Amino acid sequence: MRRAYRWLNERADLAALKRSLLDREVPDRLTWWHTLGSATLSVFLAQLVTGLVLAMYYSPSPDHAYDSIQFLEEQVVSGALLRSIHHWGASAMMVLVVAHLLRIFMMGAYKYPREINWLVGLLLLLAVVGFGFTGYLLPWDQKAYWATQVGTNMAGTVPLLGPMLVKLLRGGTQLGAATLTRFYALHVLWLPLLLGALALVHLTLVIRQGIAPRTSALEPGAPRRTSQPEYAEYYRQAYASTKKGGVRFWPDIVGKDALAALGAVAAIVALAALFPAGLEAPADPTDSSYVPRPEWYFLPHYQLLKMVPGSLEGAAAVGVPILLLAGLLALPFFDRNSARHLLRRPGALAALALALGASAFLFGGAVQQVQTVSPPEVGRPLTPAERAGRALFKQQGCANCHSIGGVGGNVAPELIEIGLRHSPGWIHSFLEEPTRFHPGTTMPPFGPPVLTHQEIEELSLYLASLRGPPGSKQEPEYQDTFPLPGR
């Protein structure tokens, strides 16, 4: 081993690499908040590994995408757990990146000499948001399809560029095979390369500039503004004084970062085991009654759009994120006060309180809102006849008395499992003349001339497709009992 190390060291200068990466001194009194970056990197690596495995089973086409997800969850060993880890990892990435950004903001670590790293961090945030948006469509279920439909429609509200952006995102005018292929390529190729490159630049700058110390170490005797010529020399001396505690990157900081990274990954695995990733019915482009709901990290923006007047919805959909991003990009260039502690920056404190308060208010409103959902289906696309029956169910006002999955009236029986108990033929006969089966029923007959035999057949086929909540694997056990002739 010594000979192998000497051979590599002579050619790659491993000793110098070790000195620059591991043996360097770092500021003393660093807190656990400084481990957020390492935790984020570890979760990204977990996402990379799980994503590569998932990609081996995924088929990026509307005809096979949903089936490939079902196969992964039902046939592949630990496939459901793997997908759930990837699902919760996406949320963890968003939480950790935003928390890391907030820590940098509160410590004033976007100021000299870390302006470039702040900009790189914002680009990393946009890449993570892009991961969430593009990955949302891949299951090709109802939630994925209609949420992406709304998301791409929002891009169409951009003045002048809107129609072009929609075509660019969808690969055409409609959401379809080209959209799924494009989102898949972005999710598994372009965005990982972009995020990896940005992360490399980010880490290089952190190594070059050093870890941001506590705010109190950079304030005593500092010039009033970071743009003053003498501030650079002040910062160099003040930062050097923070290293007198003898703290080294290895093993002091590496050990703490490793514990934080392990904790983050363990939390994701626990959430995946306790709360598996869901899968709704397959995407049905004809079901315009479905009410989409975005992932939790998009809920504040989703709620904001519902609160503004319709004429301003387009401006809010695009204008608010653009203004927020522009403000963050410009922050290190107009905030050049040398004060770094949040309590000594009243403007920054007020802006942070306003942003967090508004986000919490919008998020709470979105969570509490009661949402109407479409009737659950059996985990497969409805046939044309079943879709026609679903339309008749709505047109005839059947939901005024019956409910499906808790949505509708409570005067008559719940229909979510009617397809498990009765065949389409029995349902057809019952709809024509309910009193033949239950003399005391108040349900009106739907036989001709109310509905034609063809319409009754379509309605029967739709009702027979209701075999429990989404994901239910129960098989029908018909309990058909027909009345005697003449009754």
Protein backbone atom coordinates (compact mmCIF):
# COMPACT_ATOMS: atom_id res chain seq x y z
CA MET A 1 0.00 0.00 0.00
CA ARG A 2 2.88 2.37 0.82
CA ARG A 3 4.47 1.70 -2.56
CA ALA A 4 1.13 2.31 -4.32
CA TYR A 5 0.64 5.55 -2.39
CA ARG A 6 4.16 6.75 -3.22
CA TRP A 7 3.58 5.92 -6.90
CA LEU A 8 0.31 7.90 -6.98
CA ASN A 9 1.73 10.74 -4.89
CA GLU A 10 4.63 11.26 -7.28
CA ARG A 11 2.26 11.58 -10.22
CA ALA A 12 -0.88 13.21 -8.74
CA ASP A 13 0.65 15.05 -5.74
CA LEU A 14 -1.85 13.51 -3.29
CA ALA A 15 -0.08 15.10 -0.32
CA ALA A 16 -0.72 18.60 -1.64
CA LEU A 17 -4.31 17.68 -2.39
CA LYS A 18 -4.74 16.40 1.16
CA ARG A 19 -3.21 19.58 2.60
CA SER A 20 -5.49 21.84 0.56
CA LEU A 21 -8.70 19.87 1.18
CA LEU A 22 -8.41 18.21 4.59
CA ASP A 23 -5.57 19.80 6.56
CA ARG A 24 -6.72 23.40 6.22
CA GLU A 25 -7.70 25.46 9.24
CA VAL A 26 -11.28 26.69 9.55
CA PRO A 27 -12.97 29.31 11.73
CA ASP A 28 -13.69 28.26 15.30
CA ARG A 29 -17.13 28.05 16.98
CA LEU A 30 -18.95 26.81 13.90
CA THR A 31 -22.48 25.58 14.60
CA TRP A 32 -24.64 22.74 13.29
CA TRP A 33 -26.22 25.26 10.91
CA HIS A 34 -22.95 25.15 8.97
CA THR A 35 -23.62 21.49 8.12
CA LEU A 36 -26.61 22.26 5.89
CA GLY A 37 -24.45 22.38 2.78
CA SER A 38 -22.98 18.93 3.43
CA ALA A 39 -26.41 17.51 4.21
CA THR A 40 -27.72 18.90 0.92
CA LEU A 41 -24.83 17.37 -1.00
CA SER A 42 -25.42 13.96 0.62
CA VAL A 43 -29.11 14.03 -0.27
CA PHE A 44 -28.23 14.98 -3.85
CA LEU A 45 -25.92 11.97 -4.07
CA ALA A 46 -28.71 9.76 -2.70
CA GLN A 47 -31.05 11.20 -5.33
CA LEU A 48 -28.45 10.51 -8.00
CA VAL A 49 -28.06 6.85 -6.98
CA THR A 50 -31.79 6.14 -6.58
CA GLY A 51 -32.55 8.01 -9.80
CA LEU A 52 -30.10 5.91 -11.78
CA VAL A 53 -31.73 2.72 -10.51
CA LEU A 54 -35.24 4.01 -11.21
CA ALA A 55 -34.22 5.00 -14.74
CA MET A 56 -33.36 1.36 -15.45
CA TYR A 57 -37.03 0.41 -15.09
CA TYR A 58 -38.75 3.55 -16.39
CA SER A 59 -40.20 3.87 -19.89
CA PRO A 60 -40.63 7.55 -20.92
CA SER A 61 -43.71 7.15 -23.11
CA PRO A 62 -47.38 7.83 -22.31
CA ASP A 63 -48.29 4.24 -23.22
CA HIS A 64 -45.82 2.62 -20.82
CA ALA A 65 -44.75 5.19 -18.19
CA TYR A 66 -47.54 4.40 -15.72
CA ASP A 67 -47.17 0.64 -16.22
CA SER A 68 -43.42 0.86 -15.64
CA ILE A 69 -44.02 2.62 -12.31
CA GLN A 70 -46.52 -0.05 -11.30
CA PHE A 71 -44.07 -2.79 -12.30
CA LEU A 72 -41.33 -1.13 -10.25
CA GLU A 73 -43.52 -0.94 -7.15
CA GLU A 74 -45.11 -4.39 -7.42
CA GLN A 75 -42.48 -6.62 -9.04
CA VAL A 76 -39.03 -5.18 -8.27
CA VAL A 77 -37.56 -6.07 -4.89
CA SER A 78 -37.66 -2.94 -2.69
CA GLY A 79 -38.80 -0.98 -5.76
CA ALA A 80 -41.58 0.80 -3.88
CA LEU A 81 -39.17 1.79 -1.09
CA LEU A 82 -36.62 3.00 -3.62
CA ARG A 83 -39.18 5.19 -5.37
CA SER A 84 -40.39 6.55 -2.02
CA ILE A 85 -36.81 7.43 -1.02
CA HIS A 86 -36.43 9.34 -4.29
CA HIS A 87 -39.81 11.02 -3.71
CA TRP A 88 -38.97 12.19 -0.19
CA GLY A 89 -35.44 13.08 -1.25
CA ALA A 90 -36.88 15.67 -3.62
CA SER A 91 -38.67 17.35 -0.71
CA ALA A 92 -35.56 17.11 1.46
CA MET A 93 -33.48 18.79 -1.26
CA MET A 94 -35.93 21.68 -1.38
CA VAL A 95 -35.99 22.05 2.43
CA LEU A 96 -32.21 21.91 2.80
CA VAL A 97 -31.41 24.27 -0.08
CA VAL A 98 -33.89 26.87 1.19
CA ALA A 99 -32.65 26.46 4.79
CA HIS A 100 -29.05 26.86 3.57
CA LEU A 101 -30.05 29.99 1.66
CA LEU A 102 -31.78 31.41 4.75
CA ARG A 103 -28.70 30.78 6.89
CA ILE A 104 -26.49 32.62 4.40
CA PHE A 105 -28.98 35.50 4.31
CA MET A 106 -29.28 35.76 8.09
CA MET A 107 -25.49 35.66 8.57
CA GLY A 108 -24.88 38.24 5.85
CA ALA A 109 -22.54 35.72 4.20
CA TYR A 110 -23.53 36.94 0.74
CA LYS A 111 -21.35 40.02 1.27
CA TYR A 112 -17.69 40.49 0.37
CA PRO A 113 -15.96 38.28 -0.70
CA ARG A 114 -18.78 35.75 -1.31
CA GLU A 115 -20.94 37.57 -3.85
CA ILE A 116 -20.20 35.07 -6.63
CA ASN A 117 -20.94 32.10 -4.39
CA TRP A 118 -24.29 33.67 -3.49
CA LEU A 119 -25.19 33.87 -7.18
CA VAL A 120 -24.10 30.26 -7.70
CA GLY A 121 -26.27 29.24 -4.75
CA LEU A 122 -29.31 30.89 -6.30
CA LEU A 123 -28.66 28.99 -9.54
CA LEU A 124 -28.50 25.80 -7.48
CA LEU A 125 -31.90 26.66 -6.00
CA LEU A 126 -33.36 27.12 -9.49
CA ALA A 127 -31.89 23.76 -10.55
CA VAL A 128 -33.54 22.04 -7.57
CA VAL A 129 -36.88 23.68 -8.44
CA GLY A 130 -36.38 22.44 -12.00
CA PHE A 131 -35.85 18.91 -10.69
CA GLY A 132 -39.13 19.10 -8.79
CA PHE A 133 -41.07 20.44 -11.76
CA THR A 134 -39.72 18.02 -14.37
CA GLY A 135 -39.89 14.97 -12.10
CA TYR A 136 -43.52 15.68 -11.30
CA LEU A 137 -44.74 14.53 -14.72
CA LEU A 138 -42.85 11.25 -14.92
CA PRO A 139 -45.37 8.96 -13.11
CA TRP A 140 -47.93 9.97 -15.77
CA ASP A 141 -50.87 9.72 -13.37
CA GLN A 142 -53.73 12.17 -13.02
CA LYS A 143 -51.95 14.40 -10.53
CA ALA A 144 -48.78 14.52 -12.62
CA TYR A 145 -50.55 15.22 -15.89
CA TRP A 146 -52.90 17.98 -14.76
CA ALA A 147 -50.42 19.72 -12.44
CA THR A 148 -47.95 19.88 -15.34
CA GLN A 149 -50.72 21.16 -17.59
CA VAL A 150 -51.30 24.04 -15.18
CA GLY A 151 -47.56 24.65 -14.74
CA THR A 152 -46.87 24.89 -18.46
CA ASN A 153 -49.95 27.07 -18.93
CA MET A 154 -48.45 29.50 -16.42
CA ALA A 155 -45.38 29.80 -18.63
CA GLY A 156 -47.73 30.90 -21.41
CA THR A 157 -48.66 34.03 -19.45
CA VAL A 158 -45.18 35.54 -19.94
CA PRO A 159 -45.60 38.61 -22.15
CA LEU A 160 -44.39 38.15 -25.73
CA LEU A 161 -42.46 34.96 -24.95
CA GLY A 162 -45.37 32.96 -23.49
CA PRO A 163 -46.42 30.90 -26.56
CA MET A 164 -42.81 30.11 -27.40
CA LEU A 165 -42.09 28.97 -23.82
CA VAL A 166 -45.12 26.67 -23.82
CA LYS A 167 -44.00 25.02 -27.06
CA LEU A 168 -40.47 24.73 -25.72
CA LEU A 169 -41.61 23.02 -22.54
CA ARG A 170 -44.21 20.74 -24.13
CA GLY A 171 -42.42 20.02 -27.38
CA GLY A 172 -45.55 21.22 -29.17
CA THR A 173 -48.90 22.77 -28.39
CA GLN A 174 -50.27 19.83 -26.37
CA LEU A 175 -49.05 17.84 -23.39
CA GLY A 176 -48.09 14.42 -24.73
CA ALA A 177 -45.31 12.05 -25.70
CA ALA A 178 -42.92 14.85 -26.70
CA THR A 179 -43.47 16.57 -23.33
CA LEU A 180 -42.79 13.41 -21.34
CA THR A 181 -39.62 12.66 -23.31
CA ARG A 182 -38.42 16.25 -22.91
CA PHE A 183 -39.07 16.32 -19.17
CA TYR A 184 -37.38 12.94 -18.75
CA ALA A 185 -34.27 14.15 -20.60
CA LEU A 186 -34.14 17.31 -18.51
CA HIS A 187 -34.64 15.39 -15.28
CA VAL A 188 -32.08 12.63 -15.79
CA LEU A 189 -29.50 14.30 -18.08
CA TRP A 190 -29.36 18.08 -18.28
CA LEU A 191 -30.34 19.06 -14.74
CA PRO A 192 -27.99 16.57 -13.01
CA LEU A 193 -25.11 17.82 -15.17
CA LEU A 194 -26.02 21.44 -14.42
CA LEU A 195 -26.45 20.88 -10.69
CA GLY A 196 -23.25 18.85 -10.49
CA ALA A 197 -21.25 21.56 -12.26
CA LEU A 198 -22.73 24.30 -10.07
CA ALA A 199 -22.07 22.25 -6.92
CA LEU A 200 -18.44 21.80 -8.00
CA VAL A 201 -18.03 25.56 -8.53
CA HIS A 202 -19.77 26.22 -5.19
CA LEU A 203 -17.44 23.85 -3.30
CA THR A 204 -14.37 25.22 -5.05
CA LEU A 205 -15.27 28.74 -3.97
CA VAL A 206 -15.92 27.60 -0.39
CA ILE A 207 -12.48 25.94 -0.27
CA ARG A 208 -10.85 29.01 -1.84
CA GLN A 209 -12.60 31.59 0.35
CA GLY A 210 -13.07 29.50 3.47
CA ILE A 211 -16.16 28.72 5.53
CA ALA A 212 -18.12 31.80 6.59
CA PRO A 213 -17.34 32.49 10.27
CA ARG A 214 -19.72 33.74 12.97
CA THR A 215 -20.98 37.26 12.34
CA SER A 216 -19.46 38.73 15.50
CA ALA A 217 -15.95 37.97 14.22
CA LEU A 218 -16.29 40.32 11.22
CA GLU A 219 -17.89 43.38 12.79
CA PRO A 220 -15.64 44.95 15.49
CA GLY A 221 -13.74 47.88 13.98
CA ALA A 222 -14.99 47.19 10.45
CA PRO A 223 -15.24 50.04 7.91
CA ARG A 224 -18.84 51.14 7.44
CA ARG A 225 -19.19 49.69 3.94
CA THR A 226 -17.70 46.64 2.25
CA SER A 227 -17.08 48.71 -0.89
CA GLN A 228 -14.49 50.89 0.87
CA PRO A 229 -10.88 50.16 -0.27
CA GLU A 230 -9.66 49.36 3.25
CA TYR A 231 -12.35 46.72 3.88
CA ALA A 232 -10.47 43.98 1.96
CA GLU A 233 -7.46 44.20 4.29
CA TYR A 234 -9.73 44.41 7.35
CA TYR A 235 -11.57 41.25 6.26
CA ARG A 236 -8.32 39.34 5.65
CA GLN A 237 -7.03 40.08 9.14
CA ALA A 238 -10.38 39.49 10.86
CA TYR A 239 -10.89 36.17 9.09
CA ALA A 240 -7.36 35.03 9.94
CA SER A 241 -8.05 35.74 13.63
CA THR A 242 -10.99 33.30 13.58
CA LYS A 243 -8.58 30.41 12.87
CA LYS A 244 -6.59 30.79 16.09
CA GLY A 245 -8.74 28.17 17.84
CA GLY A 246 -6.91 25.34 16.13
CA VAL A 247 -9.97 23.85 14.45
CA ARG A 248 -9.12 21.75 11.41
CA PHE A 249 -11.36 20.60 8.60
CA TRP A 250 -10.28 17.00 9.21
CA PRO A 251 -11.44 15.47 11.48
CA ASP A 252 -13.35 18.20 13.38
CA ILE A 253 -15.61 19.55 10.64
CA VAL A 254 -15.76 16.40 8.53
CA GLY A 255 -17.03 14.40 11.49
CA LYS A 256 -19.82 16.86 12.21
CA ASP A 257 -20.77 17.07 8.51
CA ALA A 258 -20.84 13.27 8.28
CA LEU A 259 -23.27 13.05 11.21
CA ALA A 260 -25.55 15.66 9.62
CA ALA A 261 -25.44 13.88 6.26
CA LEU A 262 -26.20 10.51 7.87
CA GLY A 263 -29.10 12.04 9.79
CA ALA A 264 -30.59 13.59 6.66
CA VAL A 265 -30.44 10.33 4.69
CA ALA A 266 -31.80 8.33 7.63
CA ALA A 267 -34.75 10.72 7.94
CA ILE A 268 -35.54 10.29 4.24
CA VAL A 269 -35.45 6.49 4.51
CA ALA A 270 -37.72 6.59 7.58
CA LEU A 271 -40.25 8.82 5.82
CA ALA A 272 -40.16 6.56 2.77
CA ALA A 273 -40.88 3.50 4.89
CA LEU A 274 -43.69 5.15 6.87
CA PHE A 275 -45.28 7.20 4.07
CA PRO A 276 -44.81 5.56 0.65
CA ALA A 277 -45.04 7.67 -2.48
CA GLY A 278 -48.58 7.63 -3.85
CA LEU A 279 -49.77 6.83 -7.34
CA GLU A 280 -53.14 8.01 -8.60
CA ALA A 281 -55.12 6.70 -11.55
CA PRO A 282 -53.39 6.88 -14.96
CA ALA A 283 -53.41 10.23 -16.75
CA ASP A 284 -56.69 10.86 -18.57
CA PRO A 285 -56.41 13.93 -20.85
CA THR A 286 -60.20 13.89 -21.38
CA ASP A 287 -61.00 14.27 -17.67
CA SER A 288 -61.13 18.05 -17.47
CA SER A 289 -63.00 17.81 -14.14
CA TYR A 290 -59.84 16.79 -12.29
CA VAL A 291 -58.64 19.54 -9.94
CA PRO A 292 -54.81 19.51 -9.87
CA ARG A 293 -52.87 20.15 -6.69
CA PRO A 294 -49.13 20.84 -6.82
CA GLU A 295 -46.44 19.42 -4.56
CA TRP A 296 -46.25 21.04 -1.12
CA TYR A 297 -43.29 23.32 -1.94
CA PHE A 298 -45.32 24.98 -4.74
CA LEU A 299 -48.40 25.50 -2.53
CA PRO A 300 -47.70 29.15 -1.49
CA HIS A 301 -47.47 30.23 -5.14
CA TYR A 302 -50.51 28.10 -5.98
CA GLN A 303 -52.53 29.79 -3.23
CA LEU A 304 -51.36 33.26 -4.27
CA LEU A 305 -52.71 32.73 -7.79
CA LYS A 306 -56.10 31.80 -6.35
CA MET A 307 -56.24 35.03 -4.33
CA VAL A 308 -55.49 37.53 -7.10
CA PRO A 309 -58.13 38.67 -9.61
CA GLY A 310 -58.27 36.74 -12.86
CA SER A 311 -56.95 39.71 -14.83
CA LEU A 312 -53.80 39.76 -12.67
CA GLU A 313 -53.25 36.01 -12.49
CA GLY A 314 -50.77 35.98 -15.37
CA ALA A 315 -48.75 38.83 -13.87
CA ALA A 316 -48.67 37.13 -10.47
CA ALA A 317 -47.78 33.72 -11.91
CA VAL A 318 -44.62 34.99 -13.55
CA GLY A 319 -44.02 38.46 -12.13
CA VAL A 320 -43.78 37.53 -8.43
CA PRO A 321 -41.09 34.82 -8.90
CA ILE A 322 -39.13 37.03 -11.30
CA LEU A 323 -39.19 40.01 -8.92
CA LEU A 324 -38.18 37.82 -5.98
CA LEU A 325 -35.31 36.27 -7.92
CA ALA A 326 -34.15 39.64 -9.24
CA GLY A 327 -34.08 41.03 -5.70
CA LEU A 328 -32.02 38.10 -4.43
CA LEU A 329 -29.58 38.33 -7.35
CA ALA A 330 -29.06 42.05 -6.75
CA LEU A 331 -28.83 41.73 -2.95
CA PRO A 332 -25.02 41.55 -2.54
CA PHE A 333 -24.54 44.51 -4.87
CA PHE A 334 -26.83 47.00 -3.18
CA ASP A 335 -26.45 45.82 0.45
CA ARG A 336 -22.84 46.82 1.12
CA ASN A 337 -23.20 47.75 4.76
CA SER A 338 -20.51 45.90 6.71
CA ALA A 339 -22.95 44.91 9.48
CA ARG A 340 -23.66 41.18 9.25
CA HIS A 341 -25.73 40.26 12.31
CA LEU A 342 -29.40 40.11 11.40
CA LEU A 343 -30.48 42.33 14.32
CA ARG A 344 -28.16 45.07 13.04
CA ARG A 345 -29.79 44.94 9.60
CA PRO A 346 -33.39 46.09 10.20
CA GLY A 347 -34.25 46.14 6.51
CA ALA A 348 -33.13 42.55 6.02
CA LEU A 349 -34.95 41.47 9.19
CA ALA A 350 -38.20 43.08 8.03
CA ALA A 351 -37.90 41.53 4.55
CA LEU A 352 -37.23 38.09 6.02
CA ALA A 353 -40.16 38.33 8.43
CA LEU A 354 -42.45 39.48 5.61
CA ALA A 355 -41.35 36.68 3.27
CA LEU A 356 -41.64 33.92 5.89
CA GLY A 357 -44.95 35.26 7.21
CA ALA A 358 -46.49 35.54 3.75
CA SER A 359 -45.28 32.05 2.81
CA ALA A 360 -46.68 30.54 6.01
CA PHE A 361 -50.02 32.31 5.50
CA LEU A 362 -50.33 31.14 1.90
CA PHE A 363 -49.19 27.62 2.73
CA GLY A 364 -51.69 27.34 5.58
CA GLY A 365 -54.51 28.61 3.39
CA ALA A 366 -53.70 26.08 0.67
CA VAL A 367 -53.54 23.17 3.14
CA GLN A 368 -56.81 24.04 4.86
CA GLN A 369 -58.79 24.56 1.71
CA VAL A 370 -61.35 21.88 0.95
CA GLN A 371 -60.81 20.64 -2.55
CA THR A 372 -63.24 18.81 -4.81
CA VAL A 373 -61.73 15.76 -6.37
CA SER A 374 -62.82 13.72 -9.34
CA PRO A 375 -64.30 10.24 -8.79
CA PRO A 376 -61.56 7.67 -8.25
CA GLU A 377 -61.00 5.08 -10.90
CA VAL A 378 -59.63 1.57 -10.93
CA GLY A 379 -56.04 2.31 -11.83
CA ARG A 380 -56.38 2.18 -15.63
CA PRO A 381 -57.53 4.61 -18.32
CA LEU A 382 -61.29 4.61 -18.84
CA THR A 383 -62.59 3.33 -22.14
CA PRO A 384 -64.55 5.74 -24.38
CA ALA A 385 -67.83 4.13 -23.25
CA GLU A 386 -66.87 4.49 -19.56
CA ARG A 387 -65.90 8.13 -20.07
CA ALA A 388 -69.28 8.75 -21.70
CA GLY A 389 -70.91 7.11 -18.69
CA ARG A 390 -68.97 9.36 -16.33
CA ALA A 391 -70.26 12.38 -18.23
CA LEU A 392 -73.84 11.05 -17.95
CA PHE A 393 -73.35 10.54 -14.21
CA LYS A 394 -72.63 14.26 -13.90
CA GLN A 395 -75.31 15.42 -16.36
CA GLN A 396 -78.09 13.45 -14.66
CA GLY A 397 -77.20 14.88 -11.25
CA CYS A 398 -76.48 11.46 -9.74
CA ALA A 399 -73.95 13.05 -7.35
CA ASN A 400 -76.81 14.95 -5.66
CA CYS A 401 -77.80 11.70 -3.95
CA HIS A 402 -74.83 9.34 -4.35
CA SER A 403 -71.22 9.93 -3.38
CA ILE A 404 -68.06 8.44 -4.86
CA GLY A 405 -65.13 8.38 -2.49
CA GLY A 406 -66.92 10.77 -0.13
CA VAL A 407 -67.63 13.36 -2.84
CA GLY A 408 -71.32 13.91 -3.46
CA GLY A 409 -74.61 13.51 -1.60
CA ASN A 410 -75.35 11.20 1.31
CA VAL A 411 -79.04 10.50 0.59
CA ALA A 412 -78.33 7.28 -1.33
CA PRO A 413 -75.62 4.58 -0.99
CA GLU A 414 -71.93 5.27 -1.59
CA LEU A 415 -70.84 3.94 -5.00
CA ILE A 416 -67.07 3.69 -4.61
CA GLU A 417 -67.23 -0.14 -4.52
CA ILE A 418 -70.32 -0.88 -6.57
CA GLY A 419 -68.19 -2.52 -9.28
CA LEU A 420 -66.98 -5.08 -6.72
CA ARG A 421 -70.54 -6.23 -5.88
CA HIS A 422 -72.49 -5.96 -9.13
CA SER A 423 -71.85 -6.70 -12.80
CA PRO A 424 -72.54 -4.18 -15.61
CA GLY A 425 -75.59 -6.24 -16.65
CA TRP A 426 -77.15 -6.05 -13.19
CA ILE A 427 -76.46 -2.31 -12.95
CA HIS A 428 -78.03 -1.81 -16.41
CA SER A 429 -81.22 -3.61 -15.37
CA PHE A 430 -81.38 -1.75 -12.07
CA LEU A 431 -81.03 1.66 -13.73
CA GLU A 432 -83.86 0.90 -16.16
CA GLU A 433 -86.38 0.16 -13.39
CA PRO A 434 -85.08 0.31 -9.79
CA THR A 435 -88.44 -0.61 -8.23
CA ARG A 436 -88.21 -4.14 -9.70
CA PHE A 437 -85.24 -4.76 -7.43
CA HIS A 438 -86.21 -2.60 -4.43
CA PRO A 439 -89.94 -1.82 -4.34
CA GLY A 440 -89.53 0.84 -1.68
CA THR A 441 -86.78 2.81 -3.38
CA THR A 442 -87.26 6.48 -4.24
CA MET A 443 -84.74 6.34 -7.08
CA PRO A 444 -86.43 7.25 -10.39
CA PRO A 445 -86.20 4.94 -13.43
CA PHE A 446 -83.74 5.90 -16.17
CA GLY A 447 -85.09 3.66 -18.90
CA PRO A 448 -86.36 5.11 -22.18
CA PRO A 449 -87.32 7.85 -22.80
CA VAL A 450 -85.16 9.30 -19.98
CA LEU A 451 -82.02 7.62 -21.33
CA THR A 452 -81.52 5.42 -24.35
CA HIS A 453 -80.39 1.80 -23.93
CA GLN A 454 -76.96 2.84 -25.22
CA GLU A 455 -76.67 5.61 -22.63
CA ILE A 456 -77.75 3.28 -19.83
CA GLU A 457 -75.12 0.79 -20.98
CA GLU A 458 -72.41 3.50 -20.88
CA LEU A 459 -73.48 4.61 -17.41
CA SER A 460 -73.48 0.98 -16.24
CA LEU A 461 -69.98 0.38 -17.56
CA TYR A 462 -68.69 3.46 -15.76
CA LEU A 463 -70.27 2.44 -12.45
CA ALA A 464 -68.91 -1.09 -12.86
CA SER A 465 -65.39 0.39 -13.13
CA LEU A 466 -65.63 1.74 -9.56
CA ARG A 467 -63.83 -0.94 -7.58
CA GLY A 468 -62.53 0.86 -4.50
CA PRO A 469 -60.10 3.72 -3.88
CA PRO A 470 -57.17 4.30 -6.24
CA GLY A 471 -54.64 1.50 -5.90
CA SER A 472 -57.17 -1.02 -4.60
CA LYS A 473 -56.41 -4.58 -5.74
CA GLN A 474 -59.72 -6.20 -4.75
CA GLU A 475 -61.30 -8.53 -7.25
CA PRO A 476 -65.09 -8.36 -7.91
CA GLU A 477 -67.33 -10.79 -6.08
CA TYR A 478 -70.68 -10.21 -7.72
CA GLN A 479 -73.81 -10.42 -5.60
CA ASP A 480 -76.26 -10.08 -8.46
CA THR A 481 -79.85 -11.09 -7.64
CA PHE A 482 -82.40 -10.52 -10.37
CA PRO A 483 -86.16 -10.31 -9.63
CA LEU A 484 -88.43 -13.13 -10.73
CA PRO A 485 -90.20 -12.68 -14.11
CA GLY A 486 -93.39 -10.65 -13.85
CA ARG A 487 -92.33 -8.76 -10.78
